[in-house]
PDB file of all heavy atoms in Angstrom:
ATOM      1  N   LYS A   1     232.335 251.340  30.230  1.00  0.00           N
ATOM      2  CA  LYS A   1     231.673 251.610  28.952  1.00  0.00           C
ATOM      3  C   LYS A   1     232.681 252.065  27.901  1.00  0.00           C
ATOM      4  O   LYS A   1     232.588 251.682  26.727  1.00  0.00           O
ATOM      5  CB  LYS A   1     230.577 252.660  29.140  1.00  0.00           C
ATOM      6  CG  LYS A   1     229.362 252.157  29.894  1.00  0.00           C
ATOM      7  CD  LYS A   1     228.154 253.070  29.724  1.00  0.00           C
ATOM      8  CE  LYS A   1     228.313 254.369  30.449  1.00  0.00           C
ATOM      9  NZ  LYS A   1     227.083 255.203  30.385  1.00  0.00           N
ATOM     10  N   ALA A   2     233.662 252.873  28.301  1.00  0.00           N
ATOM     11  CA  ALA A   2     234.671 253.360  27.358  1.00  0.00           C
ATOM     12  C   ALA A   2     235.564 252.215  26.876  1.00  0.00           C
ATOM     13  O   ALA A   2     235.899 252.139  25.681  1.00  0.00           O
ATOM     14  CB  ALA A   2     235.514 254.446  28.019  1.00  0.00           C
ATOM     15  N   GLN A   3     235.949 251.318  27.789  1.00  0.00           N
ATOM     16  CA  GLN A   3     236.770 250.172  27.402  1.00  0.00           C
ATOM     17  C   GLN A   3     236.008 249.254  26.451  1.00  0.00           C
ATOM     18  O   GLN A   3     236.566 248.742  25.475  1.00  0.00           O
ATOM     19  CB  GLN A   3     237.200 249.397  28.653  1.00  0.00           C
ATOM     20  CG  GLN A   3     238.222 250.124  29.502  1.00  0.00           C
ATOM     21  CD  GLN A   3     238.533 249.387  30.781  1.00  0.00           C
ATOM     22  OE1 GLN A   3     237.633 248.840  31.431  1.00  0.00           O
ATOM     23  NE2 GLN A   3     239.800 249.352  31.172  1.00  0.00           N
ATOM     24  N   PHE A   4     234.728 249.054  26.736  1.00  0.00           N
ATOM     25  CA  PHE A   4     233.891 248.231  25.873  1.00  0.00           C
ATOM     26  C   PHE A   4     233.828 248.824  24.470  1.00  0.00           C
ATOM     27  O   PHE A   4     233.984 248.118  23.467  1.00  0.00           O
ATOM     28  CB  PHE A   4     232.486 248.123  26.467  1.00  0.00           C
ATOM     29  CG  PHE A   4     231.518 247.341  25.621  1.00  0.00           C
ATOM     30  CD1 PHE A   4     231.429 245.967  25.743  1.00  0.00           C
ATOM     31  CD2 PHE A   4     230.704 247.969  24.692  1.00  0.00           C
ATOM     32  CE1 PHE A   4     230.554 245.238  24.963  1.00  0.00           C
ATOM     33  CE2 PHE A   4     229.820 247.255  23.910  1.00  0.00           C
ATOM     34  CZ  PHE A   4     229.748 245.883  24.040  1.00  0.00           C
ATOM     35  N   ALA A   5     233.620 250.126  24.379  1.00  0.00           N
ATOM     36  CA  ALA A   5     233.521 250.790  23.078  1.00  0.00           C
ATOM     37  C   ALA A   5     234.823 250.671  22.290  1.00  0.00           C
ATOM     38  O   ALA A   5     234.812 250.499  21.064  1.00  0.00           O
ATOM     39  CB  ALA A   5     233.145 252.261  23.275  1.00  0.00           C
ATOM     40  N   ALA A   6     235.958 250.745  22.997  1.00  0.00           N
ATOM     41  CA  ALA A   6     237.249 250.633  22.318  1.00  0.00           C
ATOM     42  C   ALA A   6     237.491 249.223  21.790  1.00  0.00           C
ATOM     43  O   ALA A   6     238.061 249.038  20.712  1.00  0.00           O
ATOM     44  CB  ALA A   6     238.368 251.023  23.276  1.00  0.00           C
ATOM     45  N   SER A   7     237.055 248.223  22.538  1.00  0.00           N
ATOM     46  CA  SER A   7     237.262 246.828  22.135  1.00  0.00           C
ATOM     47  C   SER A   7     236.265 246.375  21.082  1.00  0.00           C
ATOM     48  O   SER A   7     236.564 245.503  20.265  1.00  0.00           O
ATOM     49  CB  SER A   7     237.148 245.908  23.355  1.00  0.00           C
ATOM     50  OG  SER A   7     238.145 246.170  24.300  1.00  0.00           O
ATOM     51  N   PHE A   8     235.066 246.963  21.117  1.00  0.00           N
ATOM     52  CA  PHE A   8     233.995 246.495  20.242  1.00  0.00           C
ATOM     53  C   PHE A   8     233.404 247.614  19.389  1.00  0.00           C
ATOM     54  O   PHE A   8     232.330 248.137  19.687  1.00  0.00           O
ATOM     55  CB  PHE A   8     232.878 245.844  21.067  1.00  0.00           C
ATOM     56  CG  PHE A   8     233.236 244.501  21.624  1.00  0.00           C
ATOM     57  CD1 PHE A   8     233.559 244.364  22.955  1.00  0.00           C
ATOM     58  CD2 PHE A   8     233.266 243.384  20.807  1.00  0.00           C
ATOM     59  CE1 PHE A   8     233.900 243.129  23.475  1.00  0.00           C
ATOM     60  CE2 PHE A   8     233.606 242.142  21.320  1.00  0.00           C
ATOM     61  CZ  PHE A   8     233.926 242.015  22.653  1.00  0.00           C
ATOM     62  N   PRO A   9     234.141 248.006  18.329  1.00  0.00           N
ATOM     63  CA  PRO A   9     233.481 248.855  17.342  1.00  0.00           C
ATOM     64  C   PRO A   9     232.308 248.073  16.742  1.00  0.00           C
ATOM     65  O   PRO A   9     232.196 246.863  16.946  1.00  0.00           O
ATOM     66  CB  PRO A   9     234.576 249.118  16.310  1.00  0.00           C
ATOM     67  CG  PRO A   9     235.555 247.992  16.491  1.00  0.00           C
ATOM     68  CD  PRO A   9     235.495 247.636  17.947  1.00  0.00           C
ATOM     69  N   GLU A  10     231.451 248.738  16.016  1.00  0.00           N
ATOM     70  CA  GLU A  10     230.202 248.110  15.553  1.00  0.00           C
ATOM     71  C   GLU A  10     230.423 246.792  14.828  1.00  0.00           C
ATOM     72  O   GLU A  10     229.718 245.814  15.069  1.00  0.00           O
ATOM     73  CB  GLU A  10     229.439 249.089  14.647  1.00  0.00           C
ATOM     74  CG  GLU A  10     228.079 248.571  14.237  1.00  0.00           C
ATOM     75  CD  GLU A  10     227.290 249.588  13.416  1.00  0.00           C
ATOM     76  OE1 GLU A  10     227.777 250.726  13.261  1.00  0.00           O
ATOM     77  OE2 GLU A  10     226.208 249.242  12.929  1.00  0.00           O
ATOM     78  N   ALA A  11     231.432 246.742  13.956  1.00  0.00           N
ATOM     79  CA  ALA A  11     231.679 245.510  13.186  1.00  0.00           C
ATOM     80  C   ALA A  11     232.058 244.350  14.099  1.00  0.00           C
ATOM     81  O   ALA A  11     231.618 243.213  13.904  1.00  0.00           O
ATOM     82  CB  ALA A  11     232.786 245.750  12.163  1.00  0.00           C
ATOM     83  N   ALA A  12     232.882 244.620  15.120  1.00  0.00           N
ATOM     84  CA  ALA A  12     233.297 243.569  16.046  1.00  0.00           C
ATOM     85  C   ALA A  12     232.128 243.087  16.886  1.00  0.00           C
ATOM     86  O   ALA A  12     232.017 241.900  17.202  1.00  0.00           O
ATOM     87  CB  ALA A  12     234.423 244.072  16.938  1.00  0.00           C
ATOM     88  N   LEU A  13     231.244 244.007  17.239  1.00  0.00           N
ATOM     89  CA  LEU A  13     230.081 243.636  18.046  1.00  0.00           C
ATOM     90  C   LEU A  13     229.163 242.707  17.252  1.00  0.00           C
ATOM     91  O   LEU A  13     228.633 241.726  17.781  1.00  0.00           O
ATOM     92  CB  LEU A  13     229.326 244.900  18.471  1.00  0.00           C
ATOM     93  CG  LEU A  13     228.296 244.756  19.581  1.00  0.00           C
ATOM     94  CD1 LEU A  13     228.936 244.212  20.849  1.00  0.00           C
ATOM     95  CD2 LEU A  13     227.636 246.094  19.864  1.00  0.00           C
ATOM     96  N   LYS A  14     228.997 242.999  15.970  1.00  0.00           N
ATOM     97  CA  LYS A  14     228.150 242.163  15.123  1.00  0.00           C
ATOM     98  C   LYS A  14     228.776 240.804  14.846  1.00  0.00           C
ATOM     99  O   LYS A  14     228.076 239.857  14.483  1.00  0.00           O
ATOM    100  CB  LYS A  14     227.859 242.885  13.802  1.00  0.00           C
ATOM    101  CG  LYS A  14     226.953 244.097  13.927  1.00  0.00           C
ATOM    102  CD  LYS A  14     226.711 244.738  12.571  1.00  0.00           C
ATOM    103  CE  LYS A  14     225.772 245.929  12.677  1.00  0.00           C
ATOM    104  NZ  LYS A  14     225.548 246.589  11.357  1.00  0.00           N
ATOM    105  N   ASN A  15     230.102 240.707  15.028  1.00  0.00           N
ATOM    106  CA  ASN A  15     230.822 239.480  14.702  1.00  0.00           C
ATOM    107  C   ASN A  15     231.000 238.543  15.901  1.00  0.00           C
ATOM    108  O   ASN A  15     231.679 237.522  15.806  1.00  0.00           O
ATOM    109  CB  ASN A  15     232.204 239.825  14.124  1.00  0.00           C
ATOM    110  CG  ASN A  15     232.859 238.646  13.418  1.00  0.00           C
ATOM    111  OD1 ASN A  15     232.180 237.819  12.811  1.00  0.00           O
ATOM    112  ND2 ASN A  15     234.175 238.575  13.488  1.00  0.00           N
ATOM    113  N   ILE A  16     230.387 238.869  17.029  1.00  0.00           N
ATOM    114  CA  ILE A  16     230.489 237.986  18.203  1.00  0.00           C
ATOM    115  C   ILE A  16     229.874 236.624  17.878  1.00  0.00           C
ATOM    116  O   ILE A  16     228.790 236.539  17.308  1.00  0.00           O
ATOM    117  CB  ILE A  16     229.785 238.605  19.427  1.00  0.00           C
ATOM    118  CG1 ILE A  16     230.537 239.859  19.896  1.00  0.00           C
ATOM    119  CG2 ILE A  16     229.709 237.597  20.571  1.00  0.00           C
ATOM    120  CD1 ILE A  16     229.847 240.601  21.021  1.00  0.00           C
ATOM    121  N   LYS A  17     230.570 235.574  18.242  1.00  0.00           N
ATOM    122  CA  LYS A  17     230.083 234.209  18.027  1.00  0.00           C
ATOM    123  C   LYS A  17     229.389 233.733  19.309  1.00  0.00           C
ATOM    124  O   LYS A  17     230.044 233.279  20.256  1.00  0.00           O
ATOM    125  CB  LYS A  17     231.239 233.262  17.676  1.00  0.00           C
ATOM    126  CG  LYS A  17     232.153 233.756  16.553  1.00  0.00           C
ATOM    127  CD  LYS A  17     231.411 234.021  15.255  1.00  0.00           C
ATOM    128  CE  LYS A  17     232.397 234.368  14.145  1.00  0.00           C
ATOM    129  NZ  LYS A  17     231.730 234.836  12.920  1.00  0.00           N
ATOM    130  N   TRP A  18     228.075 233.858  19.358  1.00  0.00           N
ATOM    131  CA  TRP A  18     227.332 233.475  20.551  1.00  0.00           C
ATOM    132  C   TRP A  18     227.207 231.957  20.633  1.00  0.00           C
ATOM    133  O   TRP A  18     226.852 231.303  19.663  1.00  0.00           O
ATOM    134  CB  TRP A  18     225.937 234.102  20.533  1.00  0.00           C
ATOM    135  CG  TRP A  18     225.950 235.591  20.573  1.00  0.00           C
ATOM    136  CD1 TRP A  18     225.745 236.447  19.536  1.00  0.00           C
ATOM    137  CD2 TRP A  18     226.203 236.430  21.709  1.00  0.00           C
ATOM    138  NE1 TRP A  18     225.847 237.753  19.946  1.00  0.00           N
ATOM    139  CE2 TRP A  18     226.125 237.770  21.283  1.00  0.00           C
ATOM    140  CE3 TRP A  18     226.473 236.166  23.058  1.00  0.00           C
ATOM    141  CZ2 TRP A  18     226.313 238.851  22.152  1.00  0.00           C
ATOM    142  CZ3 TRP A  18     226.665 237.230  23.919  1.00  0.00           C
ATOM    143  CH2 TRP A  18     226.585 238.551  23.467  1.00  0.00           C
ATOM    144  N   TYR A  19     227.501 231.418  21.797  1.00  0.00           N
ATOM    145  CA  TYR A  19     227.396 229.970  21.977  1.00  0.00           C
ATOM    146  C   TYR A  19     225.941 229.526  21.890  1.00  0.00           C
ATOM    147  O   TYR A  19     225.107 229.977  22.673  1.00  0.00           O
ATOM    148  CB  TYR A  19     227.925 229.565  23.353  1.00  0.00           C
ATOM    149  CG  TYR A  19     229.415 229.754  23.541  1.00  0.00           C
ATOM    150  CD1 TYR A  19     229.907 230.777  24.343  1.00  0.00           C
ATOM    151  CD2 TYR A  19     230.318 228.894  22.931  1.00  0.00           C
ATOM    152  CE1 TYR A  19     231.273 230.939  24.533  1.00  0.00           C
ATOM    153  CE2 TYR A  19     231.685 229.055  23.114  1.00  0.00           C
ATOM    154  CZ  TYR A  19     232.153 230.082  23.923  1.00  0.00           C
ATOM    155  OH  TYR A  19     233.498 230.242  24.108  1.00  0.00           O
ATOM    156  N   PRO A  20     225.624 228.622  20.965  1.00  0.00           N
ATOM    157  CA  PRO A  20     224.280 228.031  20.945  1.00  0.00           C
ATOM    158  C   PRO A  20     224.199 226.855  21.914  1.00  0.00           C
ATOM    159  O   PRO A  20     225.203 226.489  22.532  1.00  0.00           O
ATOM    160  CB  PRO A  20     224.134 227.558  19.493  1.00  0.00           C
ATOM    161  CG  PRO A  20     225.539 227.203  19.095  1.00  0.00           C
ATOM    162  CD  PRO A  20     226.445 228.160  19.841  1.00  0.00           C
ATOM    163  N   ALA A  21     223.029 226.289  22.037  1.00  0.00           N
ATOM    164  CA  ALA A  21     222.861 225.120  22.903  1.00  0.00           C
ATOM    165  C   ALA A  21     223.766 223.987  22.438  1.00  0.00           C
ATOM    166  O   ALA A  21     223.955 223.767  21.243  1.00  0.00           O
ATOM    167  CB  ALA A  21     221.401 224.669  22.873  1.00  0.00           C
ATOM    168  N   VAL A  22     224.332 223.276  23.391  1.00  0.00           N
ATOM    169  CA  VAL A  22     225.263 222.184  23.083  1.00  0.00           C
ATOM    170  C   VAL A  22     224.503 220.866  23.018  1.00  0.00           C
ATOM    171  O   VAL A  22     223.963 220.406  24.028  1.00  0.00           O
ATOM    172  CB  VAL A  22     226.366 222.084  24.157  1.00  0.00           C
ATOM    173  CG1 VAL A  22     227.355 220.982  23.796  1.00  0.00           C
ATOM    174  CG2 VAL A  22     227.091 223.411  24.298  1.00  0.00           C
ATOM    175  N   PRO A  23     224.436 220.222  21.850  1.00  0.00           N
ATOM    176  CA  PRO A  23     223.746 218.931  21.759  1.00  0.00           C
ATOM    177  C   PRO A  23     224.480 217.844  22.540  1.00  0.00           C
ATOM    178  O   PRO A  23     225.696 217.926  22.769  1.00  0.00           O
ATOM    179  CB  PRO A  23     223.768 218.622  20.248  1.00  0.00           C
ATOM    180  CG  PRO A  23     224.120 219.904  19.583  1.00  0.00           C
ATOM    181  CD  PRO A  23     224.954 220.663  20.555  1.00  0.00           C
ATOM    182  N   ALA A  24     223.767 216.823  22.940  1.00  0.00           N
ATOM    183  CA  ALA A  24     224.372 215.692  23.641  1.00  0.00           C
ATOM    184  C   ALA A  24     225.458 215.059  22.764  1.00  0.00           C
ATOM    185  O   ALA A  24     225.290 214.918  21.555  1.00  0.00           O
ATOM    186  CB  ALA A  24     223.303 214.664  23.987  1.00  0.00           C
TER     187      ALA A  24
END
């Protein structure tokens, strides 16, 4: 949890690029 918090401050967490479904 501590490592996660250090890597992902709030702005970085909001900026994650989540993979959407991949079209054919």
